Amino acid sequence: MMKLRTRRALALTGTAVAFSVALTGCSALNGILGGGSGDADRDEDTGQVTESANIDIFSLKVGDCTMDSPTGLLEDIDVVPCSEPHDQEVYYEITMPDGEFSETDIDTASQECIGDAYTSFVGIGYQDSALDVTTITPTKDTWDEYNDRVIQCIIFDSAGQTTGSLAGAAR
């Protein structure tokens, strides 16, 4: 029982975004059977990752910083405290309404990642920023089988790793 989620580069005017990936997770089955990587150790008050860990892809949360830009099919992802060098950061989530799966609706909703959410997070508008964005989105399978409605907005610097959150980076 594999859950499939697609990581797609957000199509943006004038900006080439780095990659497109398919992600897969088995969190429900692994949780029941005791296998898999589960979730990271997190600060009780802030929810921030406190130790590097390999987590189930569906345990990824806003504020998590990740290593590498994974490609292909996978069940998990490496997270680190944002105070350590990392490749990406989850900065915003969009929850889609129930209804029929629509890739067009998901693509339209994903544009929120470069709108007010981006400006509020980074401190300047996307078009003026040197940072890039990609998304993790539901697929038809995860939508139908697992009620997956979450789009995660991921920010990264195509020049390389960053240390600390990109919140307020204004670049």
N, C-alpha and C. Protein backbone atom coordinates (compact mmCIF):
# COMPACT_ATOMS: atom_id res chain seq x y z
N MET A 1 0.84 -1.19 0.00
CA MET A 1 0.00 0.00 0.00
C MET A 1 0.88 1.24 0.00
N MET A 2 1.22 1.71 -1.13
CA MET A 2 2.07 2.87 -1.24
C MET A 2 1.23 4.11 -1.45
N LYS A 3 1.59 5.17 -0.76
CA LYS A 3 0.98 6.46 -1.02
C LYS A 3 1.89 7.17 -2.00
N LEU A 4 1.34 7.79 -2.97
CA LEU A 4 2.14 8.51 -3.94
C LEU A 4 1.84 9.99 -3.83
N ARG A 5 2.86 10.79 -3.80
CA ARG A 5 2.72 12.23 -3.86
C ARG A 5 3.70 12.70 -4.91
N THR A 6 3.37 13.75 -5.58
CA THR A 6 4.24 14.25 -6.62
C THR A 6 4.86 15.54 -6.16
N ARG A 7 6.14 15.65 -6.32
CA ARG A 7 6.83 16.90 -6.08
C ARG A 7 7.08 17.49 -7.46
N ARG A 8 6.51 18.65 -7.69
CA ARG A 8 6.64 19.29 -8.98
C ARG A 8 7.18 20.68 -8.80
N ALA A 9 8.03 21.08 -9.71
CA ALA A 9 8.50 22.46 -9.70
C ALA A 9 7.33 23.34 -10.09
N LEU A 10 7.17 24.44 -9.39
CA LEU A 10 6.11 25.39 -9.67
C LEU A 10 6.45 26.10 -10.98
N ALA A 11 5.54 26.09 -11.95
CA ALA A 11 5.79 26.75 -13.22
C ALA A 11 5.62 28.25 -13.02
N LEU A 12 6.67 28.99 -13.21
CA LEU A 12 6.66 30.42 -12.94
C LEU A 12 7.26 31.19 -14.11
N THR A 13 6.68 32.32 -14.43
CA THR A 13 7.16 33.16 -15.50
C THR A 13 8.54 33.69 -15.17
N GLY A 14 9.47 33.52 -16.11
CA GLY A 14 10.80 34.10 -15.97
C GLY A 14 11.70 33.38 -15.00
N THR A 15 11.28 32.25 -14.42
CA THR A 15 12.11 31.56 -13.45
C THR A 15 12.16 30.09 -13.78
N ALA A 16 13.34 29.54 -13.88
CA ALA A 16 13.49 28.10 -14.06
C ALA A 16 13.62 27.49 -12.68
N VAL A 17 12.71 26.62 -12.35
CA VAL A 17 12.77 25.97 -11.05
C VAL A 17 13.46 24.62 -11.24
N ALA A 18 14.18 24.21 -10.27
CA ALA A 18 15.18 23.17 -10.40
C ALA A 18 14.74 21.76 -10.72
N PHE A 19 13.64 21.29 -10.21
CA PHE A 19 13.40 19.86 -10.36
C PHE A 19 11.95 19.46 -10.29
N SER A 20 11.72 18.22 -10.67
CA SER A 20 10.40 17.62 -10.58
C SER A 20 10.58 16.19 -10.10
N VAL A 21 9.83 15.79 -9.07
CA VAL A 21 10.09 14.52 -8.42
C VAL A 21 8.80 13.82 -8.04
N ALA A 22 8.82 12.54 -8.01
CA ALA A 22 7.71 11.78 -7.45
C ALA A 22 8.13 11.26 -6.08
N LEU A 23 7.27 11.45 -5.09
CA LEU A 23 7.55 10.99 -3.74
C LEU A 23 6.53 9.93 -3.36
N THR A 24 6.94 9.02 -2.54
CA THR A 24 6.06 7.96 -2.12
C THR A 24 6.17 7.77 -0.61
N GLY A 25 5.09 7.43 0.03
CA GLY A 25 5.13 7.22 1.47
C GLY A 25 4.32 6.03 1.89
N CYS A 26 4.70 5.43 2.97
CA CYS A 26 3.98 4.28 3.53
C CYS A 26 3.66 4.53 4.98
N SER A 27 3.37 5.75 5.35
CA SER A 27 3.23 6.09 6.76
C SER A 27 2.14 5.30 7.45
N ALA A 28 1.01 5.12 6.84
CA ALA A 28 -0.08 4.41 7.51
C ALA A 28 0.31 2.97 7.77
N LEU A 29 0.79 2.26 6.77
CA LEU A 29 1.17 0.88 6.94
C LEU A 29 2.36 0.74 7.87
N ASN A 30 3.38 1.58 7.70
CA ASN A 30 4.55 1.52 8.56
C ASN A 30 4.20 1.82 10.01
N GLY A 31 3.29 2.75 10.23
CA GLY A 31 2.88 3.08 11.59
C GLY A 31 2.21 1.90 12.25
N ILE A 32 1.38 1.20 11.51
CA ILE A 32 0.66 0.04 12.04
C ILE A 32 1.63 -1.11 12.30
N LEU A 33 2.56 -1.34 11.39
CA LEU A 33 3.48 -2.47 11.50
C LEU A 33 4.73 -2.15 12.31
N GLY A 34 4.92 -0.89 12.66
CA GLY A 34 6.09 -0.53 13.45
C GLY A 34 7.34 -0.31 12.62
N GLY A 35 7.24 -0.35 11.31
CA GLY A 35 8.40 -0.15 10.46
C GLY A 35 8.50 1.29 10.04
N GLY A 36 9.47 1.57 9.19
CA GLY A 36 9.61 2.92 8.65
C GLY A 36 10.24 3.87 9.62
N SER A 37 10.37 5.10 9.19
CA SER A 37 11.12 6.07 9.96
C SER A 37 10.26 6.97 10.82
N GLY A 38 8.95 7.01 10.62
CA GLY A 38 8.09 7.82 11.48
C GLY A 38 8.41 9.30 11.42
N ASP A 39 8.51 9.92 12.59
CA ASP A 39 8.73 11.36 12.69
C ASP A 39 10.03 11.64 13.44
N ALA A 40 10.47 12.88 13.38
CA ALA A 40 11.70 13.32 14.04
C ALA A 40 11.42 13.70 15.49
N ASP A 41 12.50 13.79 16.28
CA ASP A 41 12.39 14.39 17.61
C ASP A 41 12.13 15.87 17.40
N ARG A 42 11.13 16.40 18.12
CA ARG A 42 10.74 17.79 17.95
C ARG A 42 10.67 18.49 19.30
N ASP A 43 10.94 19.80 19.29
CA ASP A 43 10.79 20.62 20.48
C ASP A 43 9.31 20.62 20.87
N GLU A 44 9.03 20.37 22.14
CA GLU A 44 7.65 20.29 22.60
C GLU A 44 6.87 21.58 22.39
N ASP A 45 7.53 22.72 22.56
CA ASP A 45 6.84 24.01 22.44
C ASP A 45 6.72 24.50 21.01
N THR A 46 7.81 24.39 20.23
CA THR A 46 7.82 24.97 18.89
C THR A 46 7.50 23.97 17.78
N GLY A 47 7.68 22.69 18.05
CA GLY A 47 7.47 21.67 17.03
C GLY A 47 8.63 21.54 16.06
N GLN A 48 9.70 22.33 16.28
CA GLN A 48 10.85 22.29 15.39
C GLN A 48 11.68 21.02 15.59
N VAL A 49 12.27 20.52 14.52
CA VAL A 49 13.15 19.35 14.57
C VAL A 49 14.34 19.69 15.46
N THR A 50 14.67 18.80 16.40
CA THR A 50 15.79 19.03 17.31
C THR A 50 17.01 18.18 16.99
N GLU A 51 16.81 17.10 16.23
CA GLU A 51 17.92 16.23 15.82
C GLU A 51 17.70 15.80 14.38
N SER A 52 18.80 15.64 13.65
CA SER A 52 18.70 15.12 12.29
C SER A 52 18.01 13.77 12.33
N ALA A 53 17.16 13.52 11.36
CA ALA A 53 16.43 12.25 11.31
C ALA A 53 15.96 11.98 9.90
N ASN A 54 15.69 10.73 9.65
CA ASN A 54 15.06 10.32 8.42
C ASN A 54 13.61 10.06 8.77
N ILE A 55 12.68 10.83 8.19
CA ILE A 55 11.26 10.74 8.55
C ILE A 55 10.42 10.28 7.38
N ASP A 56 9.27 9.75 7.69
CA ASP A 56 8.29 9.41 6.68
C ASP A 56 7.92 10.69 5.93
N ILE A 57 7.80 10.64 4.63
CA ILE A 57 7.52 11.84 3.84
C ILE A 57 6.24 12.54 4.28
N PHE A 58 5.28 11.79 4.83
CA PHE A 58 4.03 12.39 5.26
C PHE A 58 4.11 12.97 6.66
N SER A 59 5.28 12.89 7.30
CA SER A 59 5.50 13.54 8.59
C SER A 59 6.12 14.92 8.42
N LEU A 60 6.44 15.31 7.20
CA LEU A 60 7.04 16.61 6.91
C LEU A 60 6.06 17.72 7.26
N LYS A 61 6.55 18.75 7.99
CA LYS A 61 5.68 19.82 8.49
C LYS A 61 6.23 21.20 8.11
N VAL A 62 5.38 22.21 8.19
CA VAL A 62 5.82 23.59 8.01
C VAL A 62 6.92 23.87 9.04
N GLY A 63 8.00 24.48 8.58
CA GLY A 63 9.14 24.78 9.44
C GLY A 63 10.24 23.75 9.38
N ASP A 64 9.98 22.60 8.75
CA ASP A 64 11.01 21.57 8.65
C ASP A 64 12.02 21.94 7.57
N CYS A 65 13.28 21.66 7.86
CA CYS A 65 14.37 21.86 6.90
C CYS A 65 14.86 20.49 6.47
N THR A 66 15.11 20.34 5.17
CA THR A 66 15.45 19.03 4.61
C THR A 66 16.79 19.05 3.91
N MET A 67 17.33 17.87 3.75
CA MET A 67 18.58 17.67 3.04
C MET A 67 18.28 17.16 1.64
N ASP A 68 19.10 17.57 0.69
CA ASP A 68 19.00 17.12 -0.69
C ASP A 68 17.68 17.47 -1.33
N SER A 69 17.69 17.37 -2.62
CA SER A 69 16.48 17.52 -3.42
C SER A 69 16.22 16.15 -4.00
N PRO A 70 15.43 15.34 -3.30
CA PRO A 70 15.28 13.94 -3.70
C PRO A 70 14.68 13.78 -5.08
N THR A 71 15.07 12.72 -5.73
CA THR A 71 14.52 12.40 -7.04
C THR A 71 13.98 10.98 -7.00
N GLY A 72 13.10 10.68 -7.90
CA GLY A 72 12.55 9.34 -7.99
C GLY A 72 11.53 9.05 -6.90
N LEU A 73 11.27 7.79 -6.69
CA LEU A 73 10.29 7.36 -5.70
C LEU A 73 10.98 7.16 -4.36
N LEU A 74 10.36 7.63 -3.29
CA LEU A 74 10.91 7.42 -1.97
C LEU A 74 9.81 7.41 -0.93
N GLU A 75 10.16 6.90 0.24
CA GLU A 75 9.21 6.81 1.34
C GLU A 75 9.51 7.80 2.43
N ASP A 76 10.71 8.36 2.42
CA ASP A 76 11.15 9.19 3.53
C ASP A 76 12.03 10.33 3.05
N ILE A 77 12.38 11.20 3.99
CA ILE A 77 13.21 12.35 3.67
C ILE A 77 14.05 12.69 4.90
N ASP A 78 15.25 13.19 4.68
CA ASP A 78 16.12 13.58 5.78
C ASP A 78 15.82 15.01 6.20
N VAL A 79 15.53 15.19 7.49
CA VAL A 79 15.32 16.51 8.06
C VAL A 79 16.43 16.81 9.05
N VAL A 80 16.71 18.10 9.21
CA VAL A 80 17.72 18.56 10.15
C VAL A 80 17.19 19.80 10.86
N PRO A 81 17.75 20.11 12.03
CA PRO A 81 17.39 21.40 12.62
C PRO A 81 17.76 22.50 11.62
N CYS A 82 16.94 23.51 11.51
CA CYS A 82 17.21 24.58 10.54
C CYS A 82 18.49 25.35 10.86
N SER A 83 19.00 25.22 12.06
CA SER A 83 20.25 25.88 12.44
C SER A 83 21.46 25.20 11.80
N GLU A 84 21.26 24.02 11.21
CA GLU A 84 22.32 23.30 10.51
C GLU A 84 22.17 23.54 9.00
N PRO A 85 23.26 23.39 8.24
CA PRO A 85 23.16 23.54 6.78
C PRO A 85 22.10 22.59 6.22
N HIS A 86 21.29 23.10 5.30
CA HIS A 86 20.22 22.31 4.70
C HIS A 86 19.92 22.83 3.30
N ASP A 87 19.15 22.05 2.56
CA ASP A 87 18.85 22.37 1.16
C ASP A 87 17.51 23.05 0.96
N GLN A 88 16.51 22.70 1.78
CA GLN A 88 15.15 23.21 1.56
C GLN A 88 14.46 23.44 2.89
N GLU A 89 13.36 24.22 2.84
CA GLU A 89 12.56 24.49 4.02
C GLU A 89 11.08 24.55 3.63
N VAL A 90 10.25 23.86 4.39
CA VAL A 90 8.80 23.91 4.18
C VAL A 90 8.31 25.19 4.85
N TYR A 91 7.72 26.11 4.08
CA TYR A 91 7.33 27.39 4.67
C TYR A 91 5.83 27.66 4.68
N TYR A 92 5.04 26.85 4.00
CA TYR A 92 3.61 27.13 3.94
C TYR A 92 2.88 25.88 3.48
N GLU A 93 1.64 25.72 3.93
CA GLU A 93 0.80 24.63 3.47
C GLU A 93 -0.56 25.16 3.04
N ILE A 94 -1.09 24.53 2.03
CA ILE A 94 -2.43 24.85 1.52
C ILE A 94 -3.24 23.56 1.63
N THR A 95 -4.41 23.64 2.22
CA THR A 95 -5.29 22.47 2.29
C THR A 95 -6.40 22.64 1.26
N MET A 96 -6.46 21.72 0.35
CA MET A 96 -7.47 21.74 -0.71
C MET A 96 -8.81 21.29 -0.14
N PRO A 97 -9.91 21.84 -0.66
CA PRO A 97 -11.24 21.39 -0.22
C PRO A 97 -11.53 19.99 -0.75
N ASP A 98 -12.43 19.29 -0.07
CA ASP A 98 -12.86 17.99 -0.56
C ASP A 98 -13.53 18.15 -1.92
N GLY A 99 -13.65 17.08 -2.62
CA GLY A 99 -14.24 17.08 -3.95
C GLY A 99 -13.44 16.17 -4.85
N GLU A 100 -13.71 16.25 -6.13
CA GLU A 100 -12.99 15.45 -7.10
C GLU A 100 -11.56 15.96 -7.27
N PHE A 101 -10.63 15.04 -7.47
CA PHE A 101 -9.24 15.40 -7.74
C PHE A 101 -9.15 16.18 -9.04
N SER A 102 -8.42 17.28 -9.02
CA SER A 102 -8.21 18.08 -10.22
C SER A 102 -6.79 18.63 -10.22
N GLU A 103 -5.99 18.15 -11.14
CA GLU A 103 -4.63 18.65 -11.25
C GLU A 103 -4.63 20.15 -11.55
N THR A 104 -5.60 20.60 -12.34
CA THR A 104 -5.70 22.03 -12.65
C THR A 104 -5.96 22.84 -11.37
N ASP A 105 -6.87 22.37 -10.52
CA ASP A 105 -7.15 23.06 -9.26
C ASP A 105 -5.93 23.07 -8.35
N ILE A 106 -5.19 21.96 -8.31
CA ILE A 106 -3.98 21.89 -7.48
C ILE A 106 -2.93 22.85 -8.02
N ASP A 107 -2.75 22.88 -9.33
CA ASP A 107 -1.79 23.81 -9.93
C ASP A 107 -2.17 25.26 -9.64
N THR A 108 -3.45 25.56 -9.74
CA THR A 108 -3.93 26.92 -9.45
C THR A 108 -3.69 27.27 -7.99
N ALA A 109 -4.06 26.37 -7.08
CA ALA A 109 -3.85 26.62 -5.65
C ALA A 109 -2.37 26.76 -5.32
N SER A 110 -1.51 26.03 -6.01
CA SER A 110 -0.07 26.08 -5.76
C SER A 110 0.52 27.46 -6.03
N GLN A 111 -0.15 28.25 -6.84
CA GLN A 111 0.33 29.60 -7.11
C GLN A 111 0.35 30.46 -5.84
N GLU A 112 -0.45 30.06 -4.82
CA GLU A 112 -0.40 30.74 -3.52
C GLU A 112 1.01 30.72 -2.94
N CYS A 113 1.78 29.70 -3.29
CA CYS A 113 3.14 29.56 -2.76
C CYS A 113 4.03 30.75 -3.13
N ILE A 114 3.72 31.41 -4.24
CA ILE A 114 4.55 32.54 -4.66
C ILE A 114 3.83 33.87 -4.52
N GLY A 115 2.69 33.85 -3.85
CA GLY A 115 1.92 35.07 -3.62
C GLY A 115 2.18 35.64 -2.24
N ASP A 116 1.11 35.99 -1.55
CA ASP A 116 1.22 36.60 -0.22
C ASP A 116 1.97 35.73 0.77
N ALA A 117 1.81 34.41 0.68
CA ALA A 117 2.51 33.50 1.60
C ALA A 117 4.02 33.67 1.46
N TYR A 118 4.49 33.76 0.23
CA TYR A 118 5.92 33.93 -0.03
C TYR A 118 6.40 35.28 0.50
N THR A 119 5.68 36.34 0.14
CA THR A 119 6.06 37.69 0.56
C THR A 119 6.08 37.79 2.07
N SER A 120 5.08 37.23 2.73
CA SER A 120 5.04 37.27 4.20
C SER A 120 6.21 36.51 4.80
N PHE A 121 6.58 35.39 4.20
CA PHE A 121 7.65 34.57 4.75
C PHE A 121 9.03 35.18 4.49
N VAL A 122 9.30 35.54 3.26
CA VAL A 122 10.64 36.01 2.87
C VAL A 122 10.85 37.49 3.17
N GLY A 123 9.79 38.27 3.04
CA GLY A 123 9.92 39.71 3.29
C GLY A 123 9.96 40.54 2.03
N ILE A 124 10.05 39.89 0.88
CA ILE A 124 9.95 40.57 -0.43
C ILE A 124 9.16 39.66 -1.35
N GLY A 125 8.67 40.22 -2.44
CA GLY A 125 7.89 39.44 -3.40
C GLY A 125 8.74 38.43 -4.15
N TYR A 126 8.10 37.37 -4.61
CA TYR A 126 8.78 36.30 -5.33
C TYR A 126 9.58 36.84 -6.53
N GLN A 127 8.96 37.73 -7.30
CA GLN A 127 9.62 38.23 -8.52
C GLN A 127 10.90 39.00 -8.22
N ASP A 128 11.03 39.53 -7.01
CA ASP A 128 12.22 40.29 -6.62
C ASP A 128 13.23 39.45 -5.85
N SER A 129 12.93 38.19 -5.65
CA SER A 129 13.73 37.33 -4.78
C SER A 129 14.70 36.47 -5.58
N ALA A 130 15.81 36.11 -4.95
CA ALA A 130 16.79 35.20 -5.53
C ALA A 130 16.49 33.75 -5.16
N LEU A 131 15.48 33.53 -4.33
CA LEU A 131 15.16 32.19 -3.85
C LEU A 131 14.13 31.52 -4.77
N ASP A 132 14.12 30.20 -4.76
CA ASP A 132 13.21 29.43 -5.61
C ASP A 132 12.19 28.67 -4.79
N VAL A 133 11.16 28.19 -5.45
CA VAL A 133 10.06 27.50 -4.80
C VAL A 133 9.70 26.24 -5.59
N THR A 134 9.34 25.20 -4.87
CA THR A 134 8.76 24.01 -5.46
C THR A 134 7.63 23.58 -4.53
N THR A 135 6.89 22.57 -4.93
CA THR A 135 5.77 22.10 -4.11
C THR A 135 5.78 20.59 -3.97
N ILE A 136 5.15 20.12 -2.92
CA ILE A 136 4.79 18.72 -2.77
C ILE A 136 3.28 18.70 -2.80
N THR A 137 2.71 17.94 -3.72
CA THR A 137 1.26 17.98 -3.94
C THR A 137 0.65 16.57 -3.89
N PRO A 138 -0.65 16.50 -3.65
CA PRO A 138 -1.33 15.20 -3.72
C PRO A 138 -1.35 14.69 -5.15
N THR A 139 -1.43 13.38 -5.29
CA THR A 139 -1.68 12.75 -6.58
C THR A 139 -3.11 12.23 -6.55
N LYS A 140 -3.60 11.78 -7.66
CA LYS A 140 -4.95 11.21 -7.70
C LYS A 140 -5.06 10.03 -6.72
N ASP A 141 -4.03 9.19 -6.68
CA ASP A 141 -4.06 8.04 -5.77
C ASP A 141 -4.14 8.46 -4.31
N THR A 142 -3.29 9.40 -3.88
CA THR A 142 -3.31 9.80 -2.47
C THR A 142 -4.58 10.59 -2.14
N TRP A 143 -5.07 11.33 -3.11
CA TRP A 143 -6.32 12.09 -2.94
C TRP A 143 -7.48 11.12 -2.66
N ASP A 144 -7.60 10.11 -3.53
CA ASP A 144 -8.71 9.17 -3.44
C ASP A 144 -8.56 8.17 -2.30
N GLU A 145 -7.37 7.63 -2.12
CA GLU A 145 -7.18 6.54 -1.17
C GLU A 145 -6.86 6.99 0.25
N TYR A 146 -6.24 8.15 0.41
CA TYR A 146 -5.76 8.57 1.72
C TYR A 146 -6.25 9.95 2.14
N ASN A 147 -7.20 10.50 1.39
CA ASN A 147 -7.75 11.81 1.71
C ASN A 147 -6.66 12.87 1.81
N ASP A 148 -5.65 12.77 0.98
CA ASP A 148 -4.51 13.70 0.97
C ASP A 148 -4.94 15.00 0.28
N ARG A 149 -4.97 16.09 1.02
CA ARG A 149 -5.43 17.37 0.49
C ARG A 149 -4.39 18.48 0.66
N VAL A 150 -3.18 18.15 1.13
CA VAL A 150 -2.21 19.17 1.49
C VAL A 150 -1.19 19.42 0.39
N ILE A 151 -1.01 20.69 0.06
CA ILE A 151 0.07 21.15 -0.81
C ILE A 151 1.10 21.80 0.10
N GLN A 152 2.34 21.37 0.03
CA GLN A 152 3.40 21.98 0.83
C GLN A 152 4.28 22.84 -0.07
N CYS A 153 4.52 24.07 0.38
CA CYS A 153 5.37 25.02 -0.34
C CYS A 153 6.78 24.92 0.23
N ILE A 154 7.74 24.71 -0.64
CA ILE A 154 9.13 24.47 -0.26
C ILE A 154 9.99 25.57 -0.86
N ILE A 155 10.82 26.20 -0.02
CA ILE A 155 11.72 27.25 -0.49
C ILE A 155 13.15 26.75 -0.45
N PHE A 156 13.95 27.19 -1.41
CA PHE A 156 15.36 26.79 -1.45
C PHE A 156 16.16 27.84 -2.22
N ASP A 157 17.45 27.80 -1.99
CA ASP A 157 18.37 28.68 -2.71
C ASP A 157 19.10 27.82 -3.72
N SER A 158 18.88 28.07 -4.99
CA SER A 158 19.50 27.25 -6.04
C SER A 158 21.02 27.38 -6.05
N ALA A 159 21.56 28.39 -5.33
CA ALA A 159 23.01 28.55 -5.24
C ALA A 159 23.63 27.55 -4.27
N GLY A 160 22.82 26.91 -3.43
CA GLY A 160 23.36 25.92 -2.50
C GLY A 160 22.68 25.95 -1.15
N GLN A 161 23.28 25.23 -0.22
CA GLN A 161 22.70 25.10 1.12
C GLN A 161 22.64 26.43 1.85
N THR A 162 21.69 26.50 2.78
CA THR A 162 21.56 27.65 3.66
C THR A 162 21.63 27.15 5.11
N THR A 163 21.87 28.07 6.03
CA THR A 163 21.87 27.76 7.45
C THR A 163 20.92 28.74 8.11
N GLY A 164 20.02 28.23 8.94
CA GLY A 164 18.99 29.06 9.54
C GLY A 164 17.79 29.11 8.62
N SER A 165 16.69 29.55 9.17
CA SER A 165 15.47 29.67 8.39
C SER A 165 15.61 30.80 7.37
N LEU A 166 14.92 30.66 6.26
CA LEU A 166 14.87 31.74 5.26
C LEU A 166 13.77 32.74 5.55
N ALA A 167 13.08 32.57 6.67
CA ALA A 167 12.05 33.53 7.09
C ALA A 167 12.71 34.91 7.25
N GLY A 168 12.14 35.89 6.57
CA GLY A 168 12.65 37.25 6.66
C GLY A 168 13.97 37.48 5.94
N ALA A 169 14.38 36.56 5.09
CA ALA A 169 15.67 36.67 4.38
C ALA A 169 15.74 37.88 3.46
N ALA A 170 14.60 38.32 2.94
CA ALA A 170 14.52 39.50 2.05
C ALA A 170 15.56 39.48 0.95
N ARG A 171 15.74 38.32 0.35
CA ARG A 171 16.66 38.23 -0.80
C ARG A 171 16.08 37.38 -1.89
